[in-house]
Amino acid sequence: MSRFSSHIEGPRWANAGNALDIYSMKTGTDIKKVVTKYLLRERIDFVVTGSEAEVNHFKNWLRDSVQEYNR
């Protein structure tokens, strides 16, 4: 069992929490989130657990998604 924890911050309208949930289901990993909402922004602290391959796949997706969003 492997584990990955991190956080992301962004505008509330980006729905990053929903994206994390959906991709967690697609990769077969379990995710636990703590969402802190501010007026226009939110911070999502999360922990992903699963097999090493599943967690690595999730990390690669997250990295690629953030790079795409920041373009």
N, C-alpha and C. Protein backbone atom coordinates (compact mmCIF):
# COMPACT_ATOMS: atom_id res chain seq x y z
N MET A 1 0.85 -1.17 0.00
CA MET A 1 0.00 0.00 0.00
C MET A 1 0.90 1.23 0.00
N SER A 2 0.60 2.14 -0.89
CA SER A 2 1.37 3.36 -1.02
C SER A 2 0.49 4.56 -0.65
N ARG A 3 1.15 5.66 -0.30
CA ARG A 3 0.41 6.84 0.14
C ARG A 3 1.07 8.10 -0.39
N PHE A 4 0.25 9.08 -0.75
CA PHE A 4 0.73 10.36 -1.26
C PHE A 4 -0.13 11.45 -0.65
N SER A 5 0.50 12.46 -0.08
CA SER A 5 -0.26 13.57 0.49
C SER A 5 0.28 14.88 -0.06
N SER A 6 -0.63 15.81 -0.29
CA SER A 6 -0.26 17.11 -0.83
C SER A 6 -1.43 18.06 -0.64
N HIS A 7 -1.33 19.22 -1.27
CA HIS A 7 -2.44 20.17 -1.26
C HIS A 7 -2.44 20.94 -2.57
N ILE A 8 -3.59 21.49 -2.90
CA ILE A 8 -3.69 22.38 -4.04
C ILE A 8 -4.52 23.58 -3.62
N GLU A 9 -4.23 24.71 -4.23
CA GLU A 9 -4.98 25.93 -3.97
C GLU A 9 -5.40 26.52 -5.30
N GLY A 10 -6.56 27.12 -5.31
CA GLY A 10 -7.02 27.74 -6.54
C GLY A 10 -8.36 28.41 -6.34
N PRO A 11 -8.89 28.97 -7.40
CA PRO A 11 -10.19 29.62 -7.30
C PRO A 11 -11.29 28.58 -7.04
N ARG A 12 -12.31 28.99 -6.30
CA ARG A 12 -13.39 28.06 -5.97
C ARG A 12 -14.11 27.56 -7.21
N TRP A 13 -14.20 28.40 -8.24
CA TRP A 13 -14.94 28.01 -9.43
C TRP A 13 -14.25 26.91 -10.22
N ALA A 14 -12.99 26.61 -9.93
CA ALA A 14 -12.25 25.58 -10.67
C ALA A 14 -12.71 24.16 -10.33
N ASN A 15 -13.40 23.99 -9.20
CA ASN A 15 -13.92 22.67 -8.78
C ASN A 15 -12.82 21.60 -8.71
N ALA A 16 -11.69 21.95 -8.15
CA ALA A 16 -10.57 21.02 -8.05
C ALA A 16 -10.92 19.81 -7.19
N GLY A 17 -11.73 20.00 -6.18
CA GLY A 17 -12.12 18.88 -5.32
C GLY A 17 -12.88 17.81 -6.08
N ASN A 18 -13.76 18.24 -6.99
CA ASN A 18 -14.50 17.28 -7.81
C ASN A 18 -13.57 16.51 -8.73
N ALA A 19 -12.60 17.21 -9.31
CA ALA A 19 -11.64 16.55 -10.20
C ALA A 19 -10.83 15.50 -9.44
N LEU A 20 -10.43 15.81 -8.21
CA LEU A 20 -9.69 14.84 -7.40
C LEU A 20 -10.55 13.61 -7.12
N ASP A 21 -11.81 13.82 -6.78
CA ASP A 21 -12.71 12.69 -6.51
C ASP A 21 -12.89 11.80 -7.73
N ILE A 22 -13.14 12.41 -8.87
CA ILE A 22 -13.39 11.65 -10.10
C ILE A 22 -12.15 10.86 -10.49
N TYR A 23 -10.98 11.49 -10.45
CA TYR A 23 -9.79 10.77 -10.86
C TYR A 23 -9.40 9.70 -9.85
N SER A 24 -9.71 9.93 -8.60
CA SER A 24 -9.48 8.89 -7.59
C SER A 24 -10.31 7.65 -7.92
N MET A 25 -11.55 7.85 -8.31
CA MET A 25 -12.40 6.71 -8.69
C MET A 25 -11.86 6.01 -9.93
N LYS A 26 -11.38 6.79 -10.90
CA LYS A 26 -10.87 6.21 -12.14
C LYS A 26 -9.62 5.38 -11.91
N THR A 27 -8.77 5.79 -10.98
CA THR A 27 -7.52 5.07 -10.74
C THR A 27 -7.65 3.99 -9.68
N GLY A 28 -8.78 3.95 -8.98
CA GLY A 28 -8.99 2.94 -7.95
C GLY A 28 -8.33 3.28 -6.63
N THR A 29 -7.94 4.52 -6.44
CA THR A 29 -7.32 4.93 -5.18
C THR A 29 -8.37 5.47 -4.23
N ASP A 30 -8.03 5.51 -2.96
CA ASP A 30 -8.88 6.13 -1.94
C ASP A 30 -8.33 7.51 -1.66
N ILE A 31 -9.22 8.48 -1.48
CA ILE A 31 -8.78 9.85 -1.21
C ILE A 31 -9.54 10.38 0.00
N LYS A 32 -8.80 11.08 0.83
CA LYS A 32 -9.38 11.78 1.97
C LYS A 32 -8.99 13.24 1.80
N LYS A 33 -10.00 14.14 1.88
CA LYS A 33 -9.77 15.56 1.63
C LYS A 33 -10.23 16.39 2.81
N VAL A 34 -9.54 17.51 2.99
CA VAL A 34 -9.97 18.57 3.90
C VAL A 34 -9.97 19.85 3.08
N VAL A 35 -11.15 20.45 2.94
CA VAL A 35 -11.31 21.64 2.09
C VAL A 35 -11.49 22.86 2.99
N THR A 36 -10.66 23.87 2.77
CA THR A 36 -10.79 25.14 3.46
C THR A 36 -11.19 26.17 2.43
N LYS A 37 -12.38 26.74 2.61
CA LYS A 37 -12.90 27.69 1.63
C LYS A 37 -12.74 29.12 2.13
N TYR A 38 -12.29 29.95 1.23
CA TYR A 38 -12.18 31.38 1.48
C TYR A 38 -13.18 32.08 0.56
N LEU A 39 -13.19 33.37 0.53
CA LEU A 39 -14.17 34.10 -0.25
C LEU A 39 -14.14 33.70 -1.73
N LEU A 40 -12.97 33.76 -2.35
CA LEU A 40 -12.85 33.42 -3.77
C LEU A 40 -11.96 32.21 -4.04
N ARG A 41 -11.22 31.76 -3.05
CA ARG A 41 -10.27 30.68 -3.25
C ARG A 41 -10.57 29.54 -2.30
N GLU A 42 -9.93 28.41 -2.55
CA GLU A 42 -10.02 27.28 -1.64
C GLU A 42 -8.70 26.52 -1.63
N ARG A 43 -8.46 25.88 -0.51
CA ARG A 43 -7.27 25.03 -0.35
C ARG A 43 -7.77 23.64 -0.04
N ILE A 44 -7.24 22.66 -0.77
CA ILE A 44 -7.63 21.28 -0.57
C ILE A 44 -6.41 20.48 -0.15
N ASP A 45 -6.40 20.04 1.09
CA ASP A 45 -5.36 19.13 1.58
C ASP A 45 -5.90 17.71 1.38
N PHE A 46 -5.08 16.82 0.84
CA PHE A 46 -5.57 15.49 0.54
C PHE A 46 -4.50 14.43 0.74
N VAL A 47 -4.98 13.20 0.97
CA VAL A 47 -4.13 12.03 1.09
C VAL A 47 -4.72 10.96 0.18
N VAL A 48 -3.90 10.41 -0.70
CA VAL A 48 -4.31 9.36 -1.63
C VAL A 48 -3.61 8.07 -1.23
N THR A 49 -4.37 6.98 -1.14
CA THR A 49 -3.78 5.68 -0.81
C THR A 49 -4.23 4.65 -1.84
N GLY A 50 -3.35 3.73 -2.13
CA GLY A 50 -3.61 2.66 -3.08
C GLY A 50 -2.33 1.91 -3.36
N SER A 51 -2.34 1.10 -4.39
CA SER A 51 -1.11 0.40 -4.77
C SER A 51 -0.11 1.43 -5.29
N GLU A 52 1.14 1.03 -5.35
CA GLU A 52 2.18 1.95 -5.81
C GLU A 52 1.92 2.43 -7.24
N ALA A 53 1.48 1.53 -8.11
CA ALA A 53 1.19 1.91 -9.50
C ALA A 53 0.02 2.88 -9.57
N GLU A 54 -1.03 2.65 -8.77
CA GLU A 54 -2.19 3.53 -8.77
C GLU A 54 -1.83 4.93 -8.27
N VAL A 55 -1.07 4.98 -7.20
CA VAL A 55 -0.67 6.27 -6.63
C VAL A 55 0.25 7.02 -7.59
N ASN A 56 1.17 6.33 -8.23
CA ASN A 56 2.05 6.98 -9.21
C ASN A 56 1.25 7.52 -10.40
N HIS A 57 0.26 6.76 -10.84
CA HIS A 57 -0.60 7.21 -11.93
C HIS A 57 -1.36 8.47 -11.51
N PHE A 58 -1.86 8.50 -10.28
CA PHE A 58 -2.57 9.68 -9.76
C PHE A 58 -1.63 10.88 -9.69
N LYS A 59 -0.41 10.68 -9.20
CA LYS A 59 0.56 11.78 -9.10
C LYS A 59 0.90 12.35 -10.47
N ASN A 60 1.08 11.46 -11.47
CA ASN A 60 1.38 11.93 -12.82
C ASN A 60 0.22 12.72 -13.40
N TRP A 61 -1.01 12.24 -13.18
CA TRP A 61 -2.19 12.97 -13.65
C TRP A 61 -2.27 14.34 -13.00
N LEU A 62 -2.03 14.40 -11.69
CA LEU A 62 -2.10 15.67 -10.97
C LEU A 62 -1.06 16.66 -11.50
N ARG A 63 0.16 16.19 -11.69
CA ARG A 63 1.23 17.04 -12.21
C ARG A 63 0.86 17.59 -13.60
N ASP A 64 0.40 16.70 -14.47
CA ASP A 64 0.03 17.12 -15.83
C ASP A 64 -1.15 18.10 -15.81
N SER A 65 -2.13 17.86 -14.94
CA SER A 65 -3.30 18.73 -14.86
C SER A 65 -2.92 20.12 -14.38
N VAL A 66 -2.06 20.19 -13.38
CA VAL A 66 -1.65 21.50 -12.86
C VAL A 66 -0.85 22.25 -13.91
N GLN A 67 0.03 21.56 -14.63
CA GLN A 67 0.80 22.22 -15.70
C GLN A 67 -0.13 22.75 -16.78
N GLU A 68 -1.12 21.97 -17.15
CA GLU A 68 -2.08 22.40 -18.17
C GLU A 68 -2.88 23.62 -17.69
N TYR A 69 -3.32 23.59 -16.45
CA TYR A 69 -4.10 24.69 -15.89
C TYR A 69 -3.29 25.98 -15.83
N ASN A 70 -1.99 25.87 -15.52
CA ASN A 70 -1.14 27.06 -15.34
C ASN A 70 -0.65 27.64 -16.66
N ARG A 71 -0.96 27.05 -17.78
CA ARG A 71 -0.54 27.61 -19.06
C ARG A 71 -1.22 28.92 -19.35
